[in-house]
Protein backbone atom coordinates (compact mmCIF):
# COMPACT_ATOMS: atom_id res chain seq x y z
CA MET A 1 -51.92 55.19 -8.32
CA PHE A 2 -49.27 55.15 -9.99
CA GLU A 3 -46.31 58.24 -10.33
CA ARG A 4 -46.21 59.30 -14.36
CA PRO A 5 -42.90 59.49 -15.58
CA GLU A 6 -42.55 63.45 -16.60
CA SER A 7 -40.36 62.60 -19.95
CA GLY A 8 -40.43 59.29 -22.28
CA GLU A 9 -40.57 58.65 -26.31
CA ARG A 10 -40.91 55.01 -26.51
CA ALA A 11 -44.64 54.61 -27.63
CA ILE A 12 -46.89 51.96 -28.12
CA LEU A 13 -49.89 52.06 -31.01
CA VAL A 14 -53.06 50.98 -29.88
CA ARG A 15 -55.89 50.71 -32.51
CA LEU A 16 -58.68 48.93 -33.34
CA GLY A 17 -61.01 48.82 -35.84
CA LEU A 18 -64.80 48.86 -35.06
CA GLY A 19 -67.08 46.80 -36.59
CA ARG A 20 -64.27 45.92 -39.72
CA PRO A 21 -60.67 44.45 -39.62
CA VAL A 22 -57.82 47.67 -39.41
CA THR A 23 -56.28 48.41 -42.79
CA ALA A 24 -52.84 49.22 -42.73
CA ASP A 25 -53.17 52.70 -44.18
CA GLU A 26 -54.59 53.19 -40.55
CA LEU A 27 -51.79 52.31 -39.04
CA ALA A 28 -49.45 53.87 -41.31
CA GLU A 29 -51.12 57.10 -40.67
CA PHE A 30 -50.94 57.27 -36.89
CA GLU A 31 -47.43 55.66 -37.01
CA ALA A 32 -46.66 59.18 -39.28
CA LEU A 33 -48.47 61.48 -36.10
CA ALA A 34 -46.35 59.34 -33.61
CA ARG A 35 -43.63 60.08 -35.27
CA SER A 36 -43.99 63.67 -36.16
CA ALA A 37 -44.45 64.29 -32.10
CA GLY A 38 -41.34 62.96 -31.02
CA ALA A 39 -42.64 59.51 -30.08
CA VAL A 40 -40.46 55.90 -30.99
CA PRO A 41 -42.29 53.43 -31.38
CA VAL A 42 -41.51 50.05 -30.04
CA ALA A 43 -44.59 48.07 -30.63
CA THR A 44 -47.99 48.31 -32.57
CA ILE A 45 -51.06 46.43 -31.06
CA SER A 46 -54.37 46.02 -33.50
CA GLY A 47 -58.01 44.38 -33.21
CA SER A 48 -61.01 45.00 -33.74
CA ARG A 49 -64.05 45.01 -31.40
CA ARG A 50 -67.81 45.45 -32.68
CA VAL A 51 -68.16 48.39 -29.90
CA PRO A 52 -65.98 50.10 -28.03
CA ASP A 53 -65.75 48.75 -23.98
CA SER A 54 -66.78 51.06 -21.45
CA ARG A 55 -64.42 50.59 -19.34
CA TYR A 56 -61.06 50.46 -21.17
CA PHE A 57 -62.53 50.66 -24.91
CA VAL A 58 -60.20 48.05 -25.69
CA GLY A 59 -61.66 45.46 -23.95
CA SER A 60 -59.50 43.96 -20.60
CA GLY A 61 -57.88 41.29 -22.57
CA LYS A 62 -56.24 43.79 -24.73
CA ALA A 63 -55.89 46.14 -22.26
CA ALA A 64 -53.68 43.13 -20.31
CA GLU A 65 -52.20 42.24 -23.60
CA ILE A 66 -50.95 46.55 -23.72
CA ARG A 67 -49.61 46.12 -20.31
CA ASP A 68 -47.74 42.64 -20.88
CA GLN A 69 -46.48 44.61 -24.33
CA ALA A 70 -45.17 47.82 -22.22
CA ALA A 71 -43.07 45.58 -20.12
CA ALA A 72 -41.68 43.86 -22.57
CA THR A 73 -40.48 46.52 -24.34
CA ALA A 74 -39.92 49.26 -21.43
CA ALA A 75 -42.36 51.32 -23.29
CA ASP A 76 -43.22 54.93 -21.78
CA LEU A 77 -46.71 55.69 -23.28
CA ILE A 78 -49.47 54.19 -24.99
CA LEU A 79 -51.22 55.62 -28.22
CA VAL A 80 -53.97 54.99 -28.74
CA ASP A 81 -55.66 56.57 -32.25
CA HIS A 82 -58.73 56.85 -30.97
CA GLY A 83 -60.58 59.31 -28.89
CA LEU A 84 -61.05 58.11 -25.33
CA SER A 85 -63.63 59.78 -22.79
CA PRO A 86 -61.95 60.48 -19.46
CA SER A 87 -62.90 57.45 -17.59
CA GLN A 88 -61.38 55.76 -20.00
CA GLU A 89 -58.69 57.05 -20.22
CA ARG A 90 -57.91 57.01 -16.32
CA ASN A 91 -58.83 53.31 -16.32
CA LEU A 92 -56.49 51.95 -18.60
CA GLU A 93 -53.65 54.01 -17.26
CA ARG A 94 -54.37 52.01 -14.53
CA CYS A 95 -54.35 49.00 -15.82
CA VAL A 96 -51.56 49.19 -17.80
CA GLY A 97 -49.37 52.01 -15.50
CA ARG A 98 -48.23 53.86 -18.37
CA ARG A 99 -49.00 57.67 -19.31
CA VAL A 100 -51.77 56.70 -22.09
CA LEU A 101 -52.77 59.55 -24.75
CA ASP A 102 -55.64 59.58 -27.10
CA ARG A 103 -56.10 60.72 -30.87
CA THR A 104 -56.95 64.19 -29.58
CA GLY A 105 -54.47 64.89 -27.11
CA LEU A 106 -51.27 63.79 -29.55
CA ILE A 107 -52.11 65.85 -32.84
CA LEU A 108 -52.98 68.57 -29.78
CA ASP A 109 -49.04 68.14 -28.49
CA ILE A 110 -47.77 68.06 -32.03
CA PHE A 111 -49.77 71.32 -32.94
CA ALA A 112 -48.39 72.50 -29.77
CA GLN A 113 -44.38 71.82 -30.81
CA ARG A 114 -45.51 73.35 -34.47
CA ALA A 115 -47.17 76.33 -33.72
CA ARG A 116 -44.56 79.55 -34.39
CA SER A 117 -46.79 82.67 -34.43
CA ALA A 118 -48.45 84.38 -31.36
CA GLU A 119 -52.36 83.23 -32.87
CA GLY A 120 -51.49 79.78 -33.06
CA GLN A 121 -49.50 79.52 -30.11
CA ILE A 122 -52.95 80.93 -28.47
CA GLU A 123 -55.13 79.02 -30.66
CA VAL A 124 -53.54 75.90 -29.70
CA GLU A 125 -52.95 76.67 -26.08
CA LEU A 126 -56.63 77.01 -25.99
CA ALA A 127 -57.41 74.14 -27.87
CA GLN A 128 -55.17 71.93 -24.93
CA LEU A 129 -57.22 73.77 -22.29
CA ARG A 130 -60.59 72.91 -23.24
CA HIS A 131 -59.57 69.59 -24.23
CA LEU A 132 -57.72 69.61 -20.45
CA ALA A 133 -61.27 70.79 -18.74
CA THR A 134 -63.18 67.66 -19.71
CA ARG A 135 -60.16 65.22 -17.68
CA LEU A 136 -59.22 66.87 -14.93
CA VAL A 137 -60.48 64.11 -12.72
CA ARG A 138 -58.00 61.83 -14.35
CA GLY A 139 -55.31 60.90 -11.62
CA TRP A 140 -56.45 63.69 -9.54
CA THR A 141 -57.94 61.75 -7.37
CA HIS A 142 -55.80 62.46 -4.04
CA LEU A 143 -56.74 66.05 -4.52
CA GLU A 144 -60.16 65.57 -3.82
CA ARG A 145 -60.31 66.64 0.08
CA GLN A 146 -59.70 70.32 1.00
CA LYS A 147 -56.70 72.08 1.83
CA GLY A 148 -55.34 71.63 5.68
CA GLY A 149 -53.28 73.70 6.98
CA ILE A 150 -52.99 76.32 9.65
CA GLY A 151 -56.08 78.77 8.83
CA LEU A 152 -56.96 77.07 5.84
CA ARG A 153 -59.31 74.32 7.45
CA GLY A 154 -63.07 73.91 7.03
CA PRO A 155 -65.35 74.52 4.48
CA GLY A 156 -63.83 75.49 1.18
CA GLU A 157 -63.24 74.22 -2.44
CA THR A 158 -61.19 71.64 -2.96
CA GLN A 159 -58.10 71.84 -5.27
CA LEU A 160 -59.87 70.08 -8.04
CA GLU A 161 -62.74 72.52 -7.86
CA THR A 162 -59.42 75.62 -7.59
CA ASP A 163 -58.26 73.90 -10.69
CA ARG A 164 -61.25 74.08 -12.45
CA ARG A 165 -61.43 77.69 -11.52
CA LEU A 166 -58.65 78.50 -12.68
CA LEU A 167 -58.12 76.92 -16.03
CA GLY A 168 -62.04 78.30 -16.88
CA ARG A 169 -60.27 82.17 -16.19
CA ARG A 170 -57.34 81.17 -18.11
CA ILE A 171 -59.29 79.73 -21.06
CA ARG A 172 -61.53 83.48 -20.64
CA THR A 173 -58.34 85.52 -21.03
CA LEU A 174 -56.81 83.21 -23.85
CA SER A 175 -60.63 83.92 -25.89
CA ALA A 176 -60.15 87.62 -25.52
CA ARG A 177 -56.73 87.68 -26.45
CA LEU A 178 -57.57 85.36 -29.71
CA ASP A 179 -60.96 87.54 -30.24
CA LYS A 180 -58.47 90.83 -30.68
CA LEU A 181 -56.02 89.14 -32.77
CA ALA A 182 -58.69 87.72 -34.75
CA ARG A 183 -60.37 91.42 -35.14
CA GLN A 184 -56.45 92.69 -36.40
CA ARG A 185 -56.41 89.84 -39.43
CA ASP A 186 -60.45 90.59 -39.82
CA THR A 187 -59.10 94.20 -40.24
CA GLY A 188 -56.30 93.05 -42.50
CA ARG A 189 -58.32 90.82 -44.79
CA ALA A 190 -60.84 93.64 -45.03
CA VAL A 191 -58.25 95.90 -46.38
CA ARG A 192 -57.53 93.46 -49.38
CA LYS A 193 -61.23 92.92 -49.70
CA ARG A 194 -61.35 96.45 -50.07
CA VAL A 195 -59.09 96.38 -53.15
CA PRO A 196 -60.85 93.78 -54.99
CA VAL A 197 -57.92 91.45 -55.50
CA PRO A 198 -59.04 87.77 -56.15
CA SER A 199 -58.31 85.61 -53.69
CA ILE A 200 -57.14 81.75 -52.99
CA ALA A 201 -56.52 79.16 -50.57
CA LEU A 202 -54.31 75.99 -50.75
CA VAL A 203 -56.59 73.13 -48.72
CA GLY A 204 -55.79 69.48 -48.66
CA TYR A 205 -54.93 66.90 -46.59
CA THR A 206 -51.98 66.86 -44.04
CA ASN A 207 -48.47 66.33 -45.93
CA ALA A 208 -50.18 66.41 -49.59
CA GLY A 209 -47.68 69.26 -50.79
CA LYS A 210 -49.44 72.07 -50.30
CA SER A 211 -46.43 74.19 -48.61
CA THR A 212 -44.02 72.98 -51.15
CA LEU A 213 -46.68 74.22 -54.46
CA PHE A 214 -46.88 77.64 -51.98
CA ARG A 215 -43.14 78.27 -52.17
CA ALA A 216 -42.81 77.07 -56.19
CA LEU A 217 -46.14 79.35 -56.72
CA THR A 218 -44.72 82.51 -54.72
CA GLY A 219 -40.93 82.02 -54.53
CA SER A 220 -41.49 82.38 -50.23
CA ASP A 221 -39.00 80.89 -48.09
CA ALA A 222 -42.64 78.99 -46.57
CA TYR A 223 -41.35 75.81 -44.06
CA VAL A 224 -41.40 72.59 -46.44
CA ALA A 225 -41.19 69.22 -44.42
CA ASP A 226 -41.95 65.54 -45.27
CA GLN A 227 -43.80 65.31 -41.88
CA LEU A 228 -47.42 65.45 -41.15
CA PHE A 229 -48.61 69.55 -39.88
CA ALA A 230 -45.20 70.50 -40.56
CA THR A 231 -47.39 74.07 -41.43
CA LEU A 232 -50.07 75.25 -38.89
CA ASP A 233 -50.10 79.37 -38.91
CA PRO A 234 -51.51 80.76 -42.12
CA THR A 235 -48.90 82.20 -44.32
CA VAL A 236 -50.42 84.93 -46.88
CA ARG A 237 -48.19 86.35 -49.86
CA ARG A 238 -49.26 87.86 -53.61
CA LEU A 239 -48.95 85.81 -56.83
CA ARG A 240 -48.25 88.26 -60.04
CA LEU A 241 -49.07 86.19 -63.31
CA PRO A 242 -48.61 87.49 -66.52
CA HIS A 243 -51.94 89.29 -67.70
CA THR A 244 -53.70 88.31 -65.11
CA PRO A 245 -54.88 90.71 -61.83
CA GLU A 246 -52.76 90.37 -58.79
CA LEU A 247 -53.69 87.92 -56.67
CA VAL A 248 -53.27 86.87 -52.97
CA ILE A 249 -52.37 82.97 -52.47
CA ALA A 250 -52.86 81.60 -48.66
CA ASP A 251 -51.17 78.29 -47.21
CA THR A 252 -53.02 76.92 -44.58
CA VAL A 253 -53.24 73.61 -41.98
CA GLY A 254 -53.91 70.37 -43.70
CA PHE A 255 -56.80 68.52 -42.71
CA VAL A 256 -56.61 64.81 -40.83
CA ARG A 257 -59.14 61.89 -40.64
CA ASP A 258 -60.86 62.76 -37.05
CA LEU A 259 -59.42 66.28 -36.69
CA PRO A 260 -60.37 67.30 -33.44
CA HIS A 261 -63.21 69.43 -32.85
CA GLU A 262 -61.51 71.80 -30.64
CA LEU A 263 -58.96 72.36 -33.32
CA VAL A 264 -61.71 73.37 -35.56
CA ALA A 265 -62.99 75.69 -33.37
CA ALA A 266 -59.66 77.07 -32.34
CA PHE A 267 -57.85 77.28 -35.50
CA ARG A 268 -60.44 80.23 -36.69
CA SER A 269 -57.48 82.25 -38.20
CA THR A 270 -56.76 79.37 -40.96
CA LEU A 271 -59.53 78.28 -41.78
CA LEU A 272 -60.93 81.93 -41.91
CA GLU A 273 -58.72 82.22 -44.64
CA ALA A 274 -59.86 79.02 -46.72
CA ARG A 275 -63.70 80.22 -46.09
CA ALA A 276 -62.93 83.98 -47.44
CA ALA A 277 -60.95 82.70 -50.71
CA ASP A 278 -62.56 83.25 -54.09
CA LEU A 279 -61.28 79.72 -55.28
CA LEU A 280 -59.61 76.69 -53.13
CA LEU A 281 -56.66 74.69 -55.01
CA HIS A 282 -57.28 71.71 -53.65
CA VAL A 283 -53.79 69.59 -53.33
CA VAL A 284 -54.01 66.08 -53.08
CA ASP A 285 -51.10 63.65 -52.91
CA ALA A 286 -51.15 61.43 -56.32
CA ALA A 287 -49.29 58.91 -54.82
CA ASP A 288 -51.45 58.24 -51.98
CA PRO A 289 -53.44 55.04 -52.78
CA GLU A 290 -56.55 56.10 -50.65
CA ARG A 291 -56.40 59.80 -52.54
CA GLU A 292 -60.33 59.75 -53.37
CA LEU A 293 -60.51 58.85 -49.46
CA ARG A 294 -58.87 61.61 -48.83
CA VAL A 295 -60.37 64.26 -50.72
CA ALA A 296 -63.83 63.12 -48.88
CA GLN A 297 -62.33 64.01 -45.88
CA VAL A 298 -60.92 67.50 -46.71
CA ASP A 299 -64.23 67.89 -48.76
CA ALA A 300 -66.16 67.39 -44.82
CA VAL A 301 -64.04 69.37 -43.10
CA LEU A 302 -64.08 72.56 -45.60
CA ALA A 303 -68.20 71.62 -45.06
CA GLU A 304 -68.05 71.83 -41.65
CA ILE A 305 -66.38 75.37 -41.61
CA GLY A 306 -68.65 76.81 -43.84
CA ALA A 307 -66.18 76.67 -47.33
CA GLY A 308 -68.05 73.60 -48.90
CA ALA A 309 -69.71 76.22 -51.75
CA ILE A 310 -66.26 77.63 -52.68
CA PRO A 311 -65.24 76.81 -56.54
CA GLN A 312 -62.23 74.13 -56.38
CA LEU A 313 -59.26 73.72 -58.66
CA ARG A 314 -58.07 70.12 -58.23
CA ILE A 315 -53.83 69.60 -58.03
CA TYR A 316 -52.66 66.33 -58.16
CA ASN A 317 -49.72 66.68 -56.81
CA LYS A 318 -46.35 64.00 -56.72
CA ILE A 319 -46.53 63.18 -59.77
CA ASP A 320 -42.90 62.31 -59.97
CA ARG A 321 -43.74 59.06 -57.20
CA SER A 322 -46.37 57.97 -58.83
CA GLY A 323 -45.01 58.11 -63.02
CA ARG A 324 -48.12 59.86 -64.62
CA PRO A 325 -47.66 62.71 -67.35
CA THR A 326 -48.73 66.11 -66.75
CA SER A 327 -52.00 67.03 -67.91
CA VAL A 328 -55.38 69.17 -67.43
CA THR A 329 -58.63 67.53 -66.57
CA ARG A 330 -61.85 70.21 -67.64
CA GLY A 331 -65.20 70.24 -66.36
CA ALA A 332 -68.10 70.15 -68.47
CA ASP A 333 -68.28 73.97 -68.65
CA GLY A 334 -64.79 73.95 -70.50
CA GLN A 335 -62.71 75.50 -67.20
CA PRO A 336 -59.83 73.78 -65.84
CA ALA A 337 -61.05 71.43 -63.31
CA ALA A 338 -57.56 69.29 -62.33
CA ILE A 339 -53.87 70.16 -63.13
CA TRP A 340 -51.50 66.80 -62.48
CA LEU A 341 -48.30 68.35 -61.82
CA SER A 342 -45.33 67.91 -59.19
CA ALA A 343 -44.37 71.53 -57.34
CA ALA A 344 -41.20 69.28 -55.85
CA THR A 345 -39.62 69.10 -59.78
CA GLY A 346 -41.79 71.63 -60.98
CA ALA A 347 -43.52 70.11 -63.79
CA GLY A 348 -46.63 71.23 -64.68
CA LEU A 349 -46.06 74.35 -63.00
CA PRO A 350 -46.94 76.40 -66.46
CA LEU A 351 -50.22 74.27 -66.47
CA LEU A 352 -51.21 75.31 -63.33
CA ARG A 353 -50.22 78.92 -63.77
CA ALA A 354 -51.97 79.03 -67.13
CA GLY A 355 -54.95 77.65 -65.99
CA LEU A 356 -55.01 80.38 -63.06
CA HIS A 357 -54.63 82.89 -66.20
CA GLU A 358 -57.70 81.51 -67.23
CA LEU A 359 -60.24 81.04 -64.27
CA PHE A 360 -58.88 85.08 -63.26
CA GLY A 361 -57.22 86.86 -66.06
CA SER A 362 -60.84 87.49 -67.59
CA ARG A 363 -62.67 88.28 -64.70
CA PRO A 364 -64.06 92.06 -65.23
CA LEU A 365 -62.06 94.64 -63.16
CA LEU A 366 -63.56 97.82 -62.04
CA CYS A 367 -61.18 100.12 -62.68
CA GLU A 368 -59.88 104.05 -62.72
CA VAL A 369 -58.31 105.23 -65.86
CA LEU A 370 -56.71 108.99 -65.94
CA LEU A 371 -56.58 109.80 -69.48
CA GLY A 372 -55.07 113.45 -71.05
CA PRO A 373 -56.23 115.80 -72.99
CA ALA A 374 -54.43 114.19 -75.92
CA GLU A 375 -55.67 110.50 -75.15
CA GLY A 376 -59.59 111.63 -76.56
CA ARG A 377 -59.60 108.49 -78.26
CA LEU A 378 -58.38 105.77 -75.91
CA ARG A 379 -61.58 107.29 -74.31
CA ALA A 380 -63.85 107.09 -77.41
CA CYS A 381 -62.35 103.49 -78.13
CA PHE A 382 -64.00 102.82 -74.45
CA TYR A 383 -67.35 104.59 -75.22
CA GLU A 384 -67.69 102.40 -78.01
CA LEU A 385 -67.05 98.97 -76.66
CA GLY A 386 -69.37 99.94 -73.47
CA LEU A 387 -66.80 100.01 -70.93
CA VAL A 388 -67.31 103.20 -69.16
CA ARG A 389 -69.26 102.72 -65.96
CA GLY A 390 -68.72 107.01 -64.88
CA GLU A 391 -66.72 109.61 -65.42
CA GLN A 392 -65.34 112.85 -64.22
CA PRO A 393 -63.18 115.64 -65.55
CA ASP A 394 -59.68 115.98 -64.10
CA GLY A 395 -59.93 119.86 -64.41
CA ALA A 396 -57.19 119.95 -66.84
CA GLY A 397 -58.61 118.76 -70.02
CA GLY A 398 -58.16 115.36 -68.86
CA TRP A 399 -60.72 112.44 -67.18
CA ARG A 400 -61.01 110.48 -64.71
CA MET A 401 -62.94 107.59 -66.32
CA GLN A 402 -64.54 104.15 -64.10
CA VAL A 403 -64.18 101.20 -66.88
CA GLU A 404 -65.08 97.60 -66.59
CA ALA A 405 -63.24 95.20 -68.30
CA SER A 406 -61.07 92.23 -68.00
CA ARG A 407 -57.22 93.27 -67.18
CA ALA A 408 -55.78 91.53 -70.24
CA ARG A 409 -58.31 93.61 -72.33
CA LEU A 410 -57.36 96.37 -70.33
CA GLU A 411 -53.88 96.15 -70.94
CA GLU A 412 -54.45 95.48 -74.97
CA LEU A 413 -56.46 98.92 -75.20
CA CYS A 414 -53.99 101.01 -73.34
CA ARG A 415 -50.77 99.54 -74.79
CA ASP A 416 -52.34 100.19 -78.53
CA ALA A 417 -53.25 103.94 -77.15
CA GLY A 418 -50.13 104.19 -76.06
CA VAL A 419 -50.56 104.34 -72.63
CA ASP A 420 -49.01 103.49 -69.86
CA PHE A 421 -51.36 100.79 -68.05
CA ASP A 422 -49.38 100.51 -64.65
CA ARG A 423 -49.41 103.97 -64.17
CA ARG A 424 -52.54 105.20 -65.62
CA VAL A 425 -54.64 102.09 -64.60
CA ALA A 426 -55.83 101.21 -60.21
CA PRO A 427 -58.65 99.53 -59.30
CA CYS A 428 -61.16 100.76 -57.42
CA LEU A 429 -64.78 99.93 -55.70
CA PRO A 430 -68.36 101.37 -55.77
CA ARG A 431 -68.59 103.43 -52.31
CA ASP A 432 -72.34 104.87 -51.55
CA GLY A 433 -73.48 104.92 -55.10
CA PHE A 434 -70.12 106.37 -56.30
CA VAL A 435 -66.87 104.78 -57.52
CA GLU A 436 -62.99 105.75 -56.43
CA SER A 437 -59.95 104.87 -56.15
CA ALA A 438 -58.59 102.38 -53.74
CA ALA A 439 -56.04 105.22 -52.80
CA GLN A 440 -59.09 107.40 -52.59
CA ALA A 441 -61.09 105.06 -50.47
CA ALA A 442 -57.93 104.54 -48.25
CA ILE A 443 -57.86 108.94 -47.62
CA SER A 444 -61.77 108.53 -47.03
CA ALA A 445 -61.58 105.79 -44.33
CA ALA A 446 -58.90 107.46 -43.04
């Protein structure tokens, strides 16, 4: 068995077409993944097979070609753009004499480099350990004997069994810690739900420009880079638009074809932001010739996490690269269905803000309005328009009224009556058959 190098970034990229030729787009994406992990591709080997080889996945002839190319280019690492079984990975390593990493392991390595929050780091480590647990046999055959030494001879567990037990213990510890952090995040999400603030989640293929759009809309200092998986940790900000209810917008991790199931299972916090949203802004790279395939791949992941039924507004980003003008495409119901823009240059952002106002500005809100004794005219107007859902006297000759109407409509009525909307109107929600303001709900919960 060869000794694995502790480091090394010179990599040979391997991609097979199963039942079809390999496309240039697949090779380009895999090279981008390798460079995102810090590897330096020195050669690319491709081919096609009807079915994977049970021993090497790539076949014995292709394995020999990889071995010769690795020797010629002094490569340290073999990256395979497929999921390999533990035995295939081990056999290929023995044949080529180099460390082999499959697609899942490569993406996990990228995530390990990019995770910044405590929750993200735990999620990555948990996914790595679950992946490693299936591969303990790889390269550990020398440990399949019992420990030796004074007091350690005789029956007992092998080193491999010890490693499996320690891995299982670490996985349980991380899972418990992640559950605690998830409950904390769920509490924050529940607080946002108590005050009826609509939420938006940015989703899309990795490197489609989600973080750039997030930064342009909110003015936040979200990290932006032209690389795959630049954003891993969920980021949530408020979004204020004129004559529109206050919105909450979340930037999420980008999707990719064949996203490892370990990551789908581990990255619950990010994916839940998408599943709990009222609207998904599906960001698409307008300059990508395979954009419709990317859309289908993202929709498949959304369906897998239970977010397939959430309404979407398609955002075709990077029109500065494609040369297409800004525009809005409407659906059969007359509402915006797709917007063409450039988040980097700002072209088309007013169309997006107008579209969000159109989608959310006309939504009815249940609000509490405080009126003084001299403002009976506005009170009568609310009754005349059928907006009143409840009313209590405030003890000083005024009223606490529960009114349901769109924000724009309430602002207009308050402005005509000379009532300060921001000081007199607050969102409220039903509670046990009664209606109370968000502030009072928080007091009651405390």
